[in-house]
Amino acid sequence: MRLPLLCLFVAFLLGSAHAAEPFFKKNDVIALVGGEDMVVASEYGYLELLLTRALPDYHLRFRSLAWEGDTVYEQRRDLNFPTWEEQLDKIGATVVICQFGQMESLDGKEKLPEFIAAYEKLLERLRNGGKRRVVIVSPNCDAKSPYGAAIEQFTNAQSILFVMPYRSFVESYIIDGPMMRDGIHLNEDAHSAVAYELVRAIQRVKVLNAGSYKAGEEDKMAADNRLRQLIVAKNKLWFDYWRVQNWAFLAGDRTNQPSSRDWRDPSKRWFPAEREEFLPLIEAKEKEIDALAAKLK
C-alpha cells in the first residue's frame, strides 16, 4: 500500500469537505465499467478502501464489470454472455462509474463525433432511463485533451457527473517518477492518487485517518492495509465468479459436452451450481470488510 504517497492528500481532503448532498447512498451497489485502468482499479482496491473508510456505515458494495480492451464502440464477450442491462440488474447496481476514451483518443480529433455518439448510446444502456446514477471519469491525464473536453460538455448537458481527477494531482502530487506503467495506463501510485481525487470530487467527504499516520501509529497503518487486502481478496473472488474462464462450458456452445455434465447423472450440469458457491464466499468477505471498517471509524 502506497501510504507515504497517500499522506500527501489527507490535509487537502480534510479541508475540502462541505455540506453538499452526498452522491452515494446507503447500500449502494457500485459497478465499475471501462477498460484496463478500471480493471486494475479494482485489483488495487484504493477507491473502495477510501470510500469504505469514509462511509463505513453505508455498507457500499463494489462490482467490477470492466474488461481489458473495452471501448465505447465495442465490448466483446463470449456467446450468450449477459447484456449490460442483464448484468447491472443482476448485481442490483444503483451507481455506475465508467471510464472510456483512453485508447479511442488515439484515433485523433476527427473521430470525436463518432466517439461521442457511441458513448451516448452506451450511457443510455447503463443509465436505463435514470434507473442508475452515473459517474464518468475523464479518459486521460491531459486536461487539454479534446476527448475529455467533449465528454465534459455532453455530460453537463445530460446532468451526468463528470470527474477529471487528474487536474489537481498531475503537477502537485505525483513527484516520485512517472504516472504511467507503460506509457498509457496508470501505475499504482497514480491509482491511489486518482482514488483520493474521485472521493473528493464525487462525495466531498473527509477521509478519516486514511493515510494520515504519525509516529507511533503503525497499528493504524497496518489496520488500513488489512482492510485493503480484504477488499482485494473479495474482488478476486468476484472476478473468478463473473469472468468464468470456461464460459463456453457454463453458458456458451459447449454446455452439452460430457465434461460439462455430472458424470454420475449426465442430465445434470455441475458447473452452474459450482459457480454459485462463490457468492457466499464474497458475502462472507464483505462482512469482514464491514466489521473491520466499523472498528476503524
Protein backbone atom coordinates (compact mmCIF):
# COMPACT_ATOMS: atom_id res chain seq x y z
CA MET A 1 0.00 0.00 0.00
CA ARG A 2 1.47 3.33 -1.06
CA LEU A 3 0.77 5.05 2.26
CA PRO A 4 3.57 7.66 2.06
CA LEU A 5 2.05 8.96 -1.17
CA LEU A 6 -1.44 8.86 0.26
CA CYS A 7 -0.37 11.07 3.16
CA LEU A 8 0.14 13.90 0.68
CA PHE A 9 -3.60 14.13 0.13
CA VAL A 10 -5.05 13.94 3.62
CA ALA A 11 -4.60 17.54 4.70
CA PHE A 12 -6.08 18.71 1.43
CA LEU A 13 -9.08 16.41 1.73
CA LEU A 14 -9.81 17.28 5.33
CA GLY A 15 -10.11 20.91 4.37
CA SER A 16 -12.26 20.36 1.29
CA ALA A 17 -15.38 18.75 2.75
CA HIS A 18 -18.60 20.72 2.69
CA ALA A 19 -22.26 20.21 3.32
CA ALA A 20 -23.32 19.35 -0.24
CA GLU A 21 -25.75 16.47 -0.51
CA PRO A 22 -23.74 13.25 -0.80
CA PHE A 23 -23.75 11.38 -4.10
CA PHE A 24 -23.60 7.89 -2.63
CA LYS A 25 -26.45 6.48 -0.58
CA LYS A 26 -26.52 3.69 1.97
CA ASN A 27 -26.37 0.19 0.49
CA ASP A 28 -25.43 1.45 -2.98
CA VAL A 29 -24.10 -1.18 -5.35
CA ILE A 30 -21.37 0.44 -7.45
CA ALA A 31 -20.45 -1.05 -10.81
CA LEU A 32 -17.07 -0.18 -12.34
CA VAL A 33 -17.16 -0.15 -16.14
CA GLY A 34 -14.39 0.56 -18.63
CA GLY A 35 -11.10 -0.73 -19.95
CA GLU A 36 -7.83 -1.79 -18.40
CA ASP A 37 -7.40 1.09 -15.95
CA MET A 38 -10.80 0.30 -14.45
CA VAL A 39 -9.88 -3.38 -14.24
CA VAL A 40 -6.69 -2.53 -12.38
CA ALA A 41 -8.50 -0.07 -10.10
CA SER A 42 -10.47 -3.00 -8.72
CA GLU A 43 -7.32 -5.09 -8.37
CA TYR A 44 -5.62 -2.41 -6.25
CA GLY A 45 -8.75 -1.57 -4.29
CA TYR A 46 -7.84 2.02 -3.38
CA LEU A 47 -11.13 3.60 -4.40
CA GLU A 48 -13.09 1.01 -2.46
CA LEU A 49 -10.79 1.38 0.53
CA LEU A 50 -11.22 5.15 0.74
CA LEU A 51 -14.98 5.09 0.28
CA THR A 52 -15.34 2.29 2.82
CA ARG A 53 -13.20 4.19 5.33
CA ALA A 54 -15.03 7.46 4.69
CA LEU A 55 -18.52 5.89 4.76
CA PRO A 56 -18.28 2.80 6.99
CA ASP A 57 -21.99 2.87 7.83
CA TYR A 58 -23.08 2.93 4.18
CA HIS A 59 -22.19 -0.73 3.50
CA LEU A 60 -21.32 0.05 -0.09
CA ARG A 61 -20.85 -2.87 -2.45
CA PHE A 62 -18.49 -2.79 -5.42
CA ARG A 63 -18.63 -4.97 -8.53
CA SER A 64 -16.16 -4.56 -11.36
CA LEU A 65 -17.65 -5.19 -14.81
CA ALA A 66 -14.61 -3.69 -16.52
CA TRP A 67 -12.76 -5.63 -19.20
CA GLU A 68 -9.40 -5.06 -20.84
CA GLY A 69 -9.87 -3.86 -24.40
CA ASP A 70 -13.37 -2.47 -23.89
CA THR A 71 -14.13 0.71 -25.83
CA VAL A 72 -17.28 2.73 -26.35
CA TYR A 73 -17.53 1.15 -29.79
CA GLU A 74 -17.32 -2.47 -28.77
CA GLN A 75 -17.21 -4.68 -25.69
CA ARG A 76 -16.54 -8.17 -26.95
CA ARG A 77 -17.96 -11.04 -24.91
CA ASP A 78 -18.43 -14.75 -25.40
CA LEU A 79 -21.55 -16.32 -26.83
CA ASN A 80 -24.59 -15.90 -24.56
CA PHE A 81 -22.77 -13.55 -22.20
CA PRO A 82 -25.39 -11.38 -20.42
CA THR A 83 -26.14 -7.92 -21.79
CA TRP A 84 -25.23 -4.76 -19.89
CA GLU A 85 -28.83 -4.44 -18.78
CA GLU A 86 -28.92 -8.02 -17.51
CA GLN A 87 -25.59 -7.76 -15.70
CA LEU A 88 -26.44 -4.49 -13.95
CA ASP A 89 -29.87 -5.73 -12.95
CA LYS A 90 -28.47 -8.98 -11.60
CA ILE A 91 -25.99 -7.27 -9.30
CA GLY A 92 -28.56 -4.64 -8.30
CA ALA A 93 -26.37 -1.76 -9.45
CA THR A 94 -27.52 1.69 -8.36
CA VAL A 95 -24.35 3.55 -9.43
CA VAL A 96 -22.08 3.12 -12.44
CA ILE A 97 -18.58 4.59 -12.51
CA CYS A 98 -17.25 4.34 -16.04
CA GLN A 99 -14.19 5.40 -17.97
CA PHE A 100 -13.77 5.18 -21.73
CA GLY A 101 -11.69 7.07 -24.26
CA GLN A 102 -8.10 6.30 -23.27
CA MET A 103 -7.47 4.22 -26.36
CA GLU A 104 -10.17 5.79 -28.52
CA SER A 105 -8.48 9.19 -28.21
CA LEU A 106 -5.55 7.83 -30.21
CA ASP A 107 -7.83 7.99 -33.26
CA GLY A 108 -7.49 11.76 -33.26
CA LYS A 109 -9.85 14.71 -33.10
CA GLU A 110 -11.58 13.84 -36.36
CA LYS A 111 -13.14 10.78 -34.70
CA LEU A 112 -14.67 12.79 -31.84
CA PRO A 113 -18.24 12.94 -33.20
CA GLU A 114 -18.28 9.17 -33.71
CA PHE A 115 -16.84 8.63 -30.23
CA ILE A 116 -19.40 10.87 -28.50
CA ALA A 117 -22.29 9.28 -30.38
CA ALA A 118 -21.15 5.81 -29.33
CA TYR A 119 -20.62 6.93 -25.72
CA GLU A 120 -24.10 8.43 -25.53
CA LYS A 121 -25.65 5.17 -26.76
CA LEU A 122 -23.68 3.15 -24.22
CA LEU A 123 -24.67 5.52 -21.41
CA GLU A 124 -28.34 5.13 -22.30
CA ARG A 125 -27.95 1.43 -21.63
CA LEU A 126 -26.01 1.94 -18.40
CA ARG A 127 -28.45 4.53 -17.03
CA ASN A 128 -31.52 2.57 -18.11
CA GLY A 129 -33.87 5.53 -18.10
CA GLY A 130 -32.40 7.10 -14.98
CA LYS A 131 -32.53 3.88 -13.00
CA ARG A 132 -28.85 4.31 -12.14
CA ARG A 133 -26.68 7.27 -11.27
CA VAL A 134 -23.60 7.55 -13.47
CA VAL A 135 -20.14 9.00 -12.89
CA ILE A 136 -17.90 9.43 -15.91
CA VAL A 137 -14.17 9.58 -15.27
CA SER A 138 -12.04 11.52 -17.73
CA PRO A 139 -10.12 9.18 -20.03
CA ASN A 140 -6.64 10.64 -19.66
CA CYS A 141 -4.33 12.92 -17.75
CA ASP A 142 -4.22 15.70 -20.33
CA ALA A 143 -6.55 18.46 -19.14
CA LYS A 144 -6.44 19.93 -22.65
CA SER A 145 -7.46 16.70 -24.37
CA PRO A 146 -10.32 17.31 -26.83
CA TYR A 147 -11.80 13.96 -25.77
CA GLY A 148 -12.02 14.93 -22.11
CA ALA A 149 -13.47 18.32 -23.03
CA ALA A 150 -16.05 16.77 -25.36
CA ILE A 151 -17.14 14.25 -22.72
CA GLU A 152 -17.48 17.00 -20.13
CA GLN A 153 -19.61 19.05 -22.50
CA PHE A 154 -22.15 16.33 -23.26
CA THR A 155 -22.30 15.06 -19.67
CA ASN A 156 -23.11 18.57 -18.45
CA ALA A 157 -25.97 18.70 -20.94
CA GLN A 158 -27.32 15.39 -19.61
CA SER A 159 -26.76 16.08 -15.89
CA ILE A 160 -24.25 13.24 -15.58
CA LEU A 161 -21.47 13.71 -13.06
CA PHE A 162 -18.13 14.17 -14.85
CA VAL A 163 -14.88 13.90 -12.90
CA MET A 164 -11.38 14.71 -14.10
CA PRO A 165 -9.34 13.52 -11.12
CA TYR A 166 -6.03 14.32 -12.78
CA ARG A 167 -6.35 18.10 -12.81
CA SER A 168 -5.22 18.59 -9.25
CA PHE A 169 -2.53 15.99 -8.90
CA VAL A 170 -0.69 15.90 -12.23
CA GLU A 171 1.66 18.71 -11.26
CA SER A 172 1.32 18.73 -7.49
CA TYR A 173 1.18 15.19 -6.22
CA ILE A 174 2.99 12.75 -8.50
CA ILE A 175 6.52 13.70 -7.53
CA ASP A 176 8.41 10.41 -7.49
CA GLY A 177 8.54 9.28 -11.09
CA PRO A 178 6.14 8.85 -13.99
CA MET A 179 2.42 8.28 -13.57
CA MET A 180 2.25 5.56 -16.21
CA ARG A 181 3.46 1.99 -16.01
CA ASP A 182 3.59 1.52 -19.78
CA GLY A 183 3.14 4.98 -21.28
CA ILE A 184 -0.65 4.60 -21.39
CA HIS A 185 -2.03 3.03 -18.21
CA LEU A 186 -1.68 4.34 -14.66
CA ASN A 187 0.81 2.85 -12.21
CA GLU A 188 -0.07 2.02 -8.61
CA ASP A 189 0.88 5.41 -7.17
CA ALA A 190 -1.30 7.15 -9.73
CA HIS A 191 -4.20 4.79 -8.99
CA SER A 192 -4.01 5.67 -5.30
CA ALA A 193 -3.95 9.38 -6.16
CA VAL A 194 -6.88 9.06 -8.56
CA ALA A 195 -8.87 7.27 -5.87
CA TYR A 196 -8.40 10.20 -3.49
CA GLU A 197 -9.44 12.69 -6.12
CA LEU A 198 -12.52 10.68 -7.05
CA VAL A 199 -13.65 10.50 -3.43
CA ARG A 200 -13.14 14.24 -3.05
CA ALA A 201 -14.91 15.12 -6.28
CA ILE A 202 -17.84 12.69 -6.05
CA GLN A 203 -18.72 12.52 -2.36
CA ARG A 204 -16.87 15.50 -0.89
CA VAL A 205 -16.32 13.86 2.48
CA LYS A 206 -13.45 13.71 4.87
CA VAL A 207 -11.20 10.70 4.62
CA LEU A 208 -10.94 9.91 8.30
CA ASN A 209 -7.40 8.90 9.22
CA ALA A 210 -6.82 7.11 5.92
CA GLY A 211 -3.14 7.54 5.14
CA SER A 212 -2.72 10.17 7.88
CA TYR A 213 -0.20 8.41 10.05
CA LYS A 214 2.12 9.87 12.63
CA ALA A 215 4.99 8.36 14.53
CA GLY A 216 3.70 5.55 16.71
CA GLU A 217 0.60 4.94 14.56
CA GLU A 218 1.92 1.84 12.88
CA ASP A 219 -1.09 -0.13 14.15
CA LYS A 220 -3.47 2.20 12.30
CA MET A 221 -1.43 1.87 9.14
CA ALA A 222 -1.46 -1.92 9.46
CA ALA A 223 -5.22 -1.95 10.01
CA ASP A 224 -5.85 0.08 6.85
CA ASN A 225 -3.57 -2.24 4.96
CA ARG A 226 -5.51 -5.26 6.28
CA LEU A 227 -8.72 -3.63 5.12
CA ARG A 228 -7.39 -3.11 1.62
CA GLN A 229 -6.14 -6.68 1.47
CA LEU A 230 -9.63 -7.91 2.40
CA ILE A 231 -11.04 -5.76 -0.40
CA VAL A 232 -8.52 -7.13 -2.89
CA ALA A 233 -9.33 -10.71 -1.84
CA LYS A 234 -13.07 -10.07 -2.20
CA ASN A 235 -12.57 -8.54 -5.64
CA LYS A 236 -10.58 -11.59 -6.74
CA LEU A 237 -13.48 -13.84 -5.69
CA TRP A 238 -15.86 -11.63 -7.65
CA PHE A 239 -13.55 -11.73 -10.69
CA ASP A 240 -13.48 -15.52 -10.62
CA TYR A 241 -17.27 -15.63 -10.34
CA TRP A 242 -18.04 -13.07 -13.03
CA ARG A 243 -15.31 -13.75 -15.59
CA VAL A 244 -15.57 -17.51 -15.79
CA GLN A 245 -12.56 -18.93 -17.61
CA ASN A 246 -14.61 -21.65 -19.31
CA TRP A 247 -17.65 -19.60 -20.26
CA ALA A 248 -18.35 -21.87 -23.23
CA PHE A 249 -18.92 -24.76 -20.81
CA LEU A 250 -21.02 -22.63 -18.48
CA ALA A 251 -23.40 -20.94 -20.91
CA GLY A 252 -21.83 -20.92 -24.34
CA ASP A 253 -21.73 -23.51 -27.12
CA ARG A 254 -20.24 -26.41 -25.14
CA THR A 255 -22.87 -26.95 -22.46
CA ASN A 256 -23.66 -30.41 -23.86
CA GLN A 257 -20.11 -31.66 -23.66
CA PRO A 258 -19.65 -34.65 -21.31
CA SER A 259 -17.17 -32.66 -19.19
CA SER A 260 -19.92 -30.09 -18.59
CA ARG A 261 -22.20 -32.76 -17.16
CA ASP A 262 -22.27 -34.70 -13.91
CA TRP A 263 -20.51 -37.99 -14.61
CA ARG A 264 -22.99 -39.82 -12.42
CA ASP A 265 -26.07 -38.23 -13.99
CA PRO A 266 -25.50 -36.64 -17.42
CA SER A 267 -28.86 -34.87 -17.20
CA LYS A 268 -27.37 -32.61 -14.51
CA ARG A 269 -24.82 -29.88 -15.03
CA TRP A 270 -22.23 -29.39 -12.30
CA PHE A 271 -20.66 -26.11 -13.48
CA PRO A 272 -23.53 -23.61 -12.83
CA ALA A 273 -24.04 -24.85 -9.27
CA GLU A 274 -20.31 -24.82 -8.57
CA ARG A 275 -20.05 -21.24 -9.81
CA GLU A 276 -22.75 -20.09 -7.39
CA GLU A 277 -20.60 -21.31 -4.49
CA PHE A 278 -18.55 -18.13 -4.93
CA LEU A 279 -21.44 -15.93 -3.78
CA PRO A 280 -21.41 -16.90 -0.07
CA LEU A 281 -17.62 -16.54 -0.11
CA ILE A 282 -17.96 -13.00 -1.46
CA GLU A 283 -20.66 -12.19 1.09
CA ALA A 284 -18.53 -13.51 3.93
CA LYS A 285 -15.58 -11.38 2.82
CA GLU A 286 -17.81 -8.31 2.66
CA LYS A 287 -18.94 -8.93 6.21
CA GLU A 288 -15.27 -9.00 7.24
CA ILE A 289 -14.76 -5.71 5.42
CA ASP A 290 -17.75 -4.11 7.16
CA ALA A 291 -16.64 -5.35 10.56
CA LEU A 292 -13.10 -4.04 10.22
CA ALA A 293 -14.27 -0.72 8.75
CA ALA A 294 -16.62 -0.27 11.74
CA LYS A 295 -13.70 -0.74 14.13
CA LEU A 296 -11.64 1.84 12.31
CA LYS A 297 -14.22 4.65 12.49
